[in-house]
Amino acid sequence: MMQLNHGIFDEASISVIAFDTVREIGRLAGRNLDVRRFRPNVVVRLLRSAPFQEDEWLGGVLSFGEGDDAPAITVTMRDVRCSMVNFDPDSASPAPEVLKSVVGANQNNAGIYGAVTRIGRLAVGQTILLRAATEKRERG
């Protein structure tokens, strides 16, 4: 990750979505969805299997890896989806039931946006830690 003054996505520098969220939207839409429909920078697998967990991360900090120098983002907002999720990334075939499923299941939100707060490299299989917004930072 790197810190940019302007995001390269609609609302923020980094977008994150969980596999469980994509799978649930696909189930509701009656389709096997390619995660690329959601254009995330980061796709995560979570220990607790449940869709739309990303909503619980608002205001928190996600660290990618362990240690004080691990790359991190502050979760700034829910990812409000547009009609782009309706289009197959390979064929551009429309499937309006995808966005309809996002709207019906989670008020048109799927995933989160975040701002880079600590730069670094991400790797497949890295542990991801969430420091919730309610946790107080220790002073040292």
N, C-alpha and C. Protein backbone atom coordinates (compact mmCIF):
# COMPACT_ATOMS: atom_id res chain seq x y z
N MET A 1 0.85 -1.18 0.00
CA MET A 1 0.00 0.00 0.00
C MET A 1 0.88 1.23 0.00
N MET A 2 0.35 2.28 -0.55
CA MET A 2 1.04 3.55 -0.49
C MET A 2 0.02 4.63 -0.19
N GLN A 3 0.50 5.74 0.36
CA GLN A 3 -0.38 6.82 0.73
C GLN A 3 -0.50 7.79 -0.44
N LEU A 4 -1.74 8.08 -0.83
CA LEU A 4 -2.00 9.01 -1.91
C LEU A 4 -2.85 10.15 -1.39
N ASN A 5 -2.66 11.32 -1.94
CA ASN A 5 -3.49 12.44 -1.54
C ASN A 5 -4.90 12.33 -2.11
N HIS A 6 -5.02 11.65 -3.23
CA HIS A 6 -6.33 11.46 -3.86
C HIS A 6 -6.54 9.99 -4.12
N GLY A 7 -7.74 9.49 -3.82
CA GLY A 7 -8.03 8.08 -4.03
C GLY A 7 -8.13 7.74 -5.51
N ILE A 8 -7.93 6.48 -5.81
CA ILE A 8 -8.07 6.02 -7.18
C ILE A 8 -9.42 5.35 -7.38
N PHE A 9 -10.21 5.27 -6.33
CA PHE A 9 -11.55 4.72 -6.40
C PHE A 9 -12.53 5.86 -6.19
N ASP A 10 -13.79 5.54 -6.22
CA ASP A 10 -14.81 6.56 -6.14
C ASP A 10 -14.73 7.42 -4.88
N GLU A 11 -14.43 6.81 -3.75
CA GLU A 11 -14.52 7.53 -2.50
C GLU A 11 -13.25 7.56 -1.65
N ALA A 12 -12.38 6.60 -1.80
CA ALA A 12 -11.22 6.54 -0.91
C ALA A 12 -10.08 5.78 -1.57
N SER A 13 -8.95 5.73 -0.90
CA SER A 13 -7.76 5.10 -1.46
C SER A 13 -7.87 3.59 -1.58
N ILE A 14 -8.46 2.93 -0.59
CA ILE A 14 -8.46 1.47 -0.54
C ILE A 14 -9.89 0.95 -0.35
N SER A 15 -10.24 -0.07 -1.12
CA SER A 15 -11.52 -0.74 -0.90
C SER A 15 -11.26 -2.19 -0.49
N VAL A 16 -12.04 -2.66 0.47
CA VAL A 16 -11.89 -4.01 1.01
C VAL A 16 -13.26 -4.66 1.04
N ILE A 17 -13.29 -5.95 0.65
CA ILE A 17 -14.53 -6.72 0.73
C ILE A 17 -14.18 -8.14 1.17
N ALA A 18 -15.10 -8.77 1.89
CA ALA A 18 -14.90 -10.14 2.36
C ALA A 18 -15.53 -11.13 1.37
N PHE A 19 -14.89 -12.30 1.23
CA PHE A 19 -15.44 -13.36 0.37
C PHE A 19 -16.85 -13.71 0.78
N ASP A 20 -17.14 -13.74 2.08
CA ASP A 20 -18.48 -14.10 2.54
C ASP A 20 -19.54 -13.12 2.07
N THR A 21 -19.18 -11.85 1.96
CA THR A 21 -20.11 -10.85 1.46
C THR A 21 -20.41 -11.09 -0.01
N VAL A 22 -19.39 -11.33 -0.80
CA VAL A 22 -19.58 -11.61 -2.23
C VAL A 22 -20.40 -12.88 -2.42
N ARG A 23 -20.10 -13.90 -1.64
CA ARG A 23 -20.83 -15.16 -1.76
C ARG A 23 -22.31 -14.98 -1.43
N GLU A 24 -22.62 -14.20 -0.40
CA GLU A 24 -24.01 -13.98 -0.01
C GLU A 24 -24.77 -13.19 -1.08
N ILE A 25 -24.13 -12.18 -1.64
CA ILE A 25 -24.77 -11.41 -2.70
C ILE A 25 -25.05 -12.33 -3.89
N GLY A 26 -24.11 -13.18 -4.21
CA GLY A 26 -24.31 -14.15 -5.29
C GLY A 26 -25.45 -15.10 -5.01
N ARG A 27 -25.53 -15.57 -3.77
CA ARG A 27 -26.62 -16.48 -3.39
C ARG A 27 -27.96 -15.79 -3.57
N LEU A 28 -28.06 -14.56 -3.10
CA LEU A 28 -29.32 -13.81 -3.21
C LEU A 28 -29.68 -13.51 -4.67
N ALA A 29 -28.67 -13.28 -5.49
CA ALA A 29 -28.89 -12.96 -6.90
C ALA A 29 -29.05 -14.21 -7.75
N GLY A 30 -28.79 -15.39 -7.16
CA GLY A 30 -28.89 -16.63 -7.92
C GLY A 30 -27.77 -16.80 -8.92
N ARG A 31 -26.59 -16.27 -8.57
CA ARG A 31 -25.43 -16.32 -9.48
C ARG A 31 -24.16 -16.63 -8.70
N ASN A 32 -23.21 -17.24 -9.40
CA ASN A 32 -21.87 -17.42 -8.86
C ASN A 32 -21.07 -16.20 -9.31
N LEU A 33 -20.76 -15.29 -8.39
CA LEU A 33 -20.17 -14.00 -8.76
C LEU A 33 -18.65 -14.01 -8.71
N ASP A 34 -18.07 -13.34 -9.66
CA ASP A 34 -16.63 -13.09 -9.69
C ASP A 34 -16.39 -11.84 -8.83
N VAL A 35 -15.48 -11.93 -7.89
CA VAL A 35 -15.21 -10.82 -6.97
C VAL A 35 -14.79 -9.56 -7.71
N ARG A 36 -14.30 -9.71 -8.93
CA ARG A 36 -13.88 -8.52 -9.70
C ARG A 36 -15.03 -7.57 -9.99
N ARG A 37 -16.27 -8.05 -9.93
CA ARG A 37 -17.43 -7.15 -10.11
C ARG A 37 -17.40 -6.01 -9.11
N PHE A 38 -16.80 -6.25 -7.96
CA PHE A 38 -16.82 -5.28 -6.86
C PHE A 38 -15.57 -4.40 -6.83
N ARG A 39 -14.62 -4.63 -7.72
CA ARG A 39 -13.43 -3.82 -7.91
C ARG A 39 -12.67 -3.51 -6.62
N PRO A 40 -12.45 -4.52 -5.76
CA PRO A 40 -11.74 -4.24 -4.51
C PRO A 40 -10.22 -4.19 -4.71
N ASN A 41 -9.57 -3.46 -3.82
CA ASN A 41 -8.11 -3.53 -3.74
C ASN A 41 -7.70 -4.76 -2.94
N VAL A 42 -8.50 -5.09 -1.92
CA VAL A 42 -8.17 -6.19 -1.02
C VAL A 42 -9.42 -7.04 -0.81
N VAL A 43 -9.24 -8.36 -0.93
CA VAL A 43 -10.30 -9.32 -0.64
C VAL A 43 -9.83 -10.14 0.55
N VAL A 44 -10.70 -10.30 1.56
CA VAL A 44 -10.29 -11.00 2.78
C VAL A 44 -11.17 -12.21 3.05
N ARG A 45 -10.56 -13.20 3.68
CA ARG A 45 -11.30 -14.35 4.22
C ARG A 45 -11.30 -14.16 5.74
N LEU A 46 -12.48 -14.27 6.33
CA LEU A 46 -12.63 -13.99 7.75
C LEU A 46 -12.79 -15.28 8.54
N LEU A 47 -12.38 -15.25 9.80
CA LEU A 47 -12.49 -16.42 10.67
C LEU A 47 -13.95 -16.76 10.95
N ARG A 48 -14.76 -15.74 11.18
CA ARG A 48 -16.18 -15.92 11.45
C ARG A 48 -16.92 -15.74 10.13
N SER A 49 -17.50 -16.82 9.62
CA SER A 49 -18.16 -16.78 8.32
C SER A 49 -19.53 -16.14 8.45
N ALA A 50 -19.64 -14.89 7.98
CA ALA A 50 -20.91 -14.16 7.96
C ALA A 50 -20.76 -13.00 7.00
N PRO A 51 -21.78 -12.75 6.18
CA PRO A 51 -21.68 -11.64 5.22
C PRO A 51 -21.81 -10.27 5.89
N PHE A 52 -21.28 -9.28 5.24
CA PHE A 52 -21.41 -7.88 5.61
C PHE A 52 -20.79 -7.54 6.96
N GLN A 53 -19.83 -8.33 7.41
CA GLN A 53 -19.11 -8.02 8.65
C GLN A 53 -18.33 -6.71 8.54
N GLU A 54 -17.99 -6.34 7.32
CA GLU A 54 -17.21 -5.13 7.11
C GLU A 54 -17.88 -3.91 7.73
N ASP A 55 -19.21 -3.90 7.79
CA ASP A 55 -19.94 -2.77 8.37
C ASP A 55 -19.53 -2.52 9.83
N GLU A 56 -19.13 -3.58 10.53
CA GLU A 56 -18.75 -3.48 11.94
C GLU A 56 -17.38 -2.83 12.12
N TRP A 57 -16.64 -2.65 11.05
CA TRP A 57 -15.27 -2.14 11.14
C TRP A 57 -15.18 -0.62 11.09
N LEU A 58 -16.28 0.06 10.84
CA LEU A 58 -16.25 1.52 10.68
C LEU A 58 -15.54 2.20 11.84
N GLY A 59 -14.61 3.08 11.49
CA GLY A 59 -13.85 3.80 12.50
C GLY A 59 -12.67 3.04 13.05
N GLY A 60 -12.60 1.75 12.75
CA GLY A 60 -11.50 0.93 13.24
C GLY A 60 -10.29 1.00 12.33
N VAL A 61 -9.26 0.26 12.72
CA VAL A 61 -8.03 0.20 11.94
C VAL A 61 -7.75 -1.26 11.60
N LEU A 62 -7.54 -1.53 10.30
CA LEU A 62 -7.14 -2.86 9.84
C LEU A 62 -5.63 -2.84 9.64
N SER A 63 -4.94 -3.79 10.28
CA SER A 63 -3.50 -3.95 10.09
C SER A 63 -3.27 -5.24 9.33
N PHE A 64 -2.40 -5.18 8.33
CA PHE A 64 -2.12 -6.32 7.46
C PHE A 64 -0.77 -6.89 7.84
N GLY A 65 -0.78 -7.95 8.64
CA GLY A 65 0.44 -8.51 9.18
C GLY A 65 0.54 -8.15 10.65
N GLU A 66 1.64 -8.56 11.25
CA GLU A 66 1.81 -8.32 12.68
C GLU A 66 2.95 -7.36 12.92
N GLY A 67 2.93 -6.70 14.06
CA GLY A 67 3.98 -5.77 14.43
C GLY A 67 3.55 -4.32 14.27
N ASP A 68 4.31 -3.46 14.91
CA ASP A 68 3.98 -2.04 14.90
C ASP A 68 4.20 -1.38 13.53
N ASP A 69 4.94 -2.05 12.66
CA ASP A 69 5.21 -1.47 11.34
C ASP A 69 4.34 -2.09 10.24
N ALA A 70 3.34 -2.89 10.62
CA ALA A 70 2.45 -3.53 9.62
C ALA A 70 1.65 -2.46 8.88
N PRO A 71 1.48 -2.64 7.56
CA PRO A 71 0.65 -1.69 6.82
C PRO A 71 -0.76 -1.65 7.42
N ALA A 72 -1.38 -0.48 7.39
CA ALA A 72 -2.68 -0.33 8.03
C ALA A 72 -3.54 0.69 7.30
N ILE A 73 -4.85 0.49 7.44
CA ILE A 73 -5.82 1.47 6.94
C ILE A 73 -6.81 1.77 8.05
N THR A 74 -7.30 3.00 8.06
CA THR A 74 -8.41 3.37 8.91
C THR A 74 -9.68 3.21 8.07
N VAL A 75 -10.65 2.50 8.60
CA VAL A 75 -11.90 2.26 7.88
C VAL A 75 -12.75 3.51 7.98
N THR A 76 -12.99 4.13 6.82
CA THR A 76 -13.63 5.44 6.81
C THR A 76 -15.12 5.42 6.51
N MET A 77 -15.56 4.46 5.66
CA MET A 77 -16.98 4.44 5.31
C MET A 77 -17.36 3.12 4.66
N ARG A 78 -18.66 2.85 4.67
CA ARG A 78 -19.20 1.69 3.96
C ARG A 78 -19.13 1.98 2.46
N ASP A 79 -19.00 0.94 1.68
CA ASP A 79 -18.90 1.09 0.23
C ASP A 79 -20.30 1.02 -0.37
N VAL A 80 -20.83 2.18 -0.74
CA VAL A 80 -22.15 2.27 -1.37
C VAL A 80 -21.98 1.86 -2.83
N ARG A 81 -22.71 0.87 -3.24
CA ARG A 81 -22.52 0.28 -4.56
C ARG A 81 -23.35 0.95 -5.64
N CYS A 82 -22.80 0.93 -6.86
CA CYS A 82 -23.48 1.47 -8.03
C CYS A 82 -23.76 0.33 -9.00
N SER A 83 -24.29 0.66 -10.14
CA SER A 83 -24.70 -0.36 -11.11
C SER A 83 -23.53 -1.13 -11.72
N MET A 84 -22.31 -0.73 -11.50
CA MET A 84 -21.16 -1.45 -12.06
C MET A 84 -21.12 -2.90 -11.59
N VAL A 85 -21.62 -3.19 -10.39
CA VAL A 85 -21.61 -4.58 -9.90
C VAL A 85 -22.50 -5.49 -10.73
N ASN A 86 -23.38 -4.90 -11.53
CA ASN A 86 -24.27 -5.69 -12.38
C ASN A 86 -23.56 -6.30 -13.58
N PHE A 87 -22.38 -5.82 -13.93
CA PHE A 87 -21.72 -6.24 -15.16
C PHE A 87 -20.64 -7.28 -14.94
N ASP A 88 -20.73 -8.36 -15.71
CA ASP A 88 -19.73 -9.41 -15.67
C ASP A 88 -18.39 -8.81 -16.13
N PRO A 89 -17.31 -9.04 -15.39
CA PRO A 89 -16.03 -8.42 -15.74
C PRO A 89 -15.42 -8.94 -17.04
N ASP A 90 -15.84 -10.11 -17.51
CA ASP A 90 -15.30 -10.65 -18.76
C ASP A 90 -16.16 -10.33 -19.97
N SER A 91 -17.48 -10.47 -19.82
CA SER A 91 -18.37 -10.31 -20.97
C SER A 91 -19.15 -8.99 -20.98
N ALA A 92 -19.17 -8.29 -19.86
CA ALA A 92 -19.96 -7.07 -19.67
C ALA A 92 -21.47 -7.35 -19.73
N SER A 93 -21.86 -8.62 -19.64
CA SER A 93 -23.29 -8.97 -19.60
C SER A 93 -23.91 -8.40 -18.34
N PRO A 94 -25.05 -7.71 -18.47
CA PRO A 94 -25.69 -7.14 -17.29
C PRO A 94 -26.50 -8.18 -16.51
N ALA A 95 -26.53 -7.99 -15.20
CA ALA A 95 -27.34 -8.83 -14.30
C ALA A 95 -27.87 -7.92 -13.20
N PRO A 96 -28.98 -7.20 -13.45
CA PRO A 96 -29.49 -6.23 -12.48
C PRO A 96 -29.84 -6.81 -11.12
N GLU A 97 -30.02 -8.13 -11.07
CA GLU A 97 -30.33 -8.76 -9.79
C GLU A 97 -29.19 -8.66 -8.78
N VAL A 98 -27.97 -8.38 -9.26
CA VAL A 98 -26.82 -8.26 -8.34
C VAL A 98 -26.99 -7.02 -7.47
N LEU A 99 -27.16 -5.85 -8.08
CA LEU A 99 -27.34 -4.63 -7.30
C LEU A 99 -28.62 -4.69 -6.48
N LYS A 100 -29.69 -5.27 -7.03
CA LYS A 100 -30.93 -5.42 -6.28
C LYS A 100 -30.69 -6.23 -5.01
N SER A 101 -29.84 -7.24 -5.09
CA SER A 101 -29.52 -8.05 -3.92
C SER A 101 -28.74 -7.26 -2.87
N VAL A 102 -27.81 -6.43 -3.33
CA VAL A 102 -27.04 -5.59 -2.40
C VAL A 102 -27.97 -4.60 -1.70
N VAL A 103 -28.86 -3.99 -2.46
CA VAL A 103 -29.82 -3.03 -1.90
C VAL A 103 -30.70 -3.72 -0.86
N GLY A 104 -31.26 -4.87 -1.22
CA GLY A 104 -32.17 -5.56 -0.32
C GLY A 104 -31.52 -6.14 0.91
N ALA A 105 -30.30 -6.62 0.78
CA ALA A 105 -29.63 -7.29 1.88
C ALA A 105 -28.95 -6.34 2.86
N ASN A 106 -28.41 -5.21 2.32
CA ASN A 106 -27.57 -4.38 3.20
C ASN A 106 -27.61 -2.90 2.81
N GLN A 107 -28.79 -2.41 2.50
CA GLN A 107 -28.99 -0.98 2.23
C GLN A 107 -28.04 -0.43 1.17
N ASN A 108 -27.73 -1.25 0.16
CA ASN A 108 -26.87 -0.87 -0.96
C ASN A 108 -25.39 -0.76 -0.60
N ASN A 109 -24.97 -1.41 0.48
CA ASN A 109 -23.57 -1.38 0.90
C ASN A 109 -22.96 -2.78 0.83
N ALA A 110 -21.72 -2.83 0.34
CA ALA A 110 -20.98 -4.10 0.31
C ALA A 110 -19.50 -3.78 0.35
N GLY A 111 -18.87 -4.04 1.49
CA GLY A 111 -17.46 -3.74 1.67
C GLY A 111 -17.26 -2.39 2.34
N ILE A 112 -15.99 -2.00 2.43
CA ILE A 112 -15.66 -0.73 3.08
C ILE A 112 -14.60 0.01 2.27
N TYR A 113 -14.49 1.29 2.57
CA TYR A 113 -13.39 2.11 2.07
C TYR A 113 -12.49 2.45 3.25
N GLY A 114 -11.22 2.65 2.95
CA GLY A 114 -10.29 3.04 4.00
C GLY A 114 -9.21 3.96 3.48
N ALA A 115 -8.57 4.63 4.41
CA ALA A 115 -7.45 5.51 4.10
C ALA A 115 -6.18 4.89 4.67
N VAL A 116 -5.12 4.90 3.90
CA VAL A 116 -3.85 4.32 4.34
C VAL A 116 -3.29 5.17 5.48
N THR A 117 -3.00 4.51 6.60
CA THR A 117 -2.41 5.20 7.74
C THR A 117 -0.98 4.74 8.00
N ARG A 118 -0.61 3.58 7.44
CA ARG A 118 0.77 3.10 7.54
C ARG A 118 1.08 2.33 6.26
N ILE A 119 2.08 2.76 5.53
CA ILE A 119 2.41 2.14 4.25
C ILE A 119 3.12 0.81 4.45
N GLY A 120 3.12 -0.02 3.42
CA GLY A 120 3.82 -1.30 3.47
C GLY A 120 3.29 -2.24 2.41
N ARG A 121 3.84 -3.44 2.40
CA ARG A 121 3.46 -4.45 1.41
C ARG A 121 2.43 -5.41 1.99
N LEU A 122 1.48 -5.79 1.13
CA LEU A 122 0.49 -6.80 1.49
C LEU A 122 0.87 -8.09 0.80
N ALA A 123 0.50 -9.22 1.41
CA ALA A 123 0.79 -10.52 0.83
C ALA A 123 -0.38 -11.46 1.07
N VAL A 124 -0.57 -12.36 0.13
CA VAL A 124 -1.60 -13.39 0.28
C VAL A 124 -1.28 -14.20 1.53
N GLY A 125 -2.29 -14.46 2.33
CA GLY A 125 -2.11 -15.27 3.54
C GLY A 125 -1.73 -14.48 4.78
N GLN A 126 -1.54 -13.18 4.66
CA GLN A 126 -1.21 -12.36 5.82
C GLN A 126 -2.35 -12.37 6.83
N THR A 127 -2.00 -12.32 8.09
CA THR A 127 -2.98 -12.14 9.14
C THR A 127 -3.47 -10.70 9.09
N ILE A 128 -4.77 -10.52 9.25
CA ILE A 128 -5.35 -9.18 9.28
C ILE A 128 -5.96 -8.97 10.66
N LEU A 129 -5.57 -7.91 11.29
CA LEU A 129 -6.06 -7.61 12.63
C LEU A 129 -6.91 -6.35 12.60
N LEU A 130 -8.00 -6.35 13.37
CA LEU A 130 -8.86 -5.18 13.47
C LEU A 130 -8.74 -4.61 14.87
N ARG A 131 -8.41 -3.35 14.93
CA ARG A 131 -8.49 -2.62 16.21
C ARG A 131 -9.76 -1.79 16.09
N ALA A 132 -10.77 -2.18 16.84
CA ALA A 132 -12.08 -1.55 16.74
C ALA A 132 -12.02 -0.10 17.19
N ALA A 133 -12.97 0.68 16.71
CA ALA A 133 -13.03 2.10 17.01
C ALA A 133 -13.21 2.36 18.50
N THR A 134 -13.81 1.42 19.22
CA THR A 134 -14.08 1.62 20.64
C THR A 134 -12.87 1.33 21.53
N GLU A 135 -11.86 0.64 20.95
CA GLU A 135 -10.68 0.33 21.76
C GLU A 135 -9.84 1.58 21.95
N LYS A 136 -9.35 1.76 23.17
CA LYS A 136 -8.48 2.91 23.46
C LYS A 136 -7.05 2.54 23.12
N ARG A 137 -6.34 3.49 22.59
CA ARG A 137 -4.94 3.28 22.27
C ARG A 137 -4.11 3.40 23.54
N GLU A 138 -3.19 2.46 23.74
CA GLU A 138 -2.32 2.51 24.91
C GLU A 138 -1.29 3.62 24.72
N ARG A 139 -1.00 4.31 25.79
CA ARG A 139 0.04 5.35 25.75
C ARG A 139 1.30 4.78 26.35
N GLY A 140 2.41 5.05 25.70
CA GLY A 140 3.65 4.45 26.18
C GLY A 140 4.78 5.39 26.33
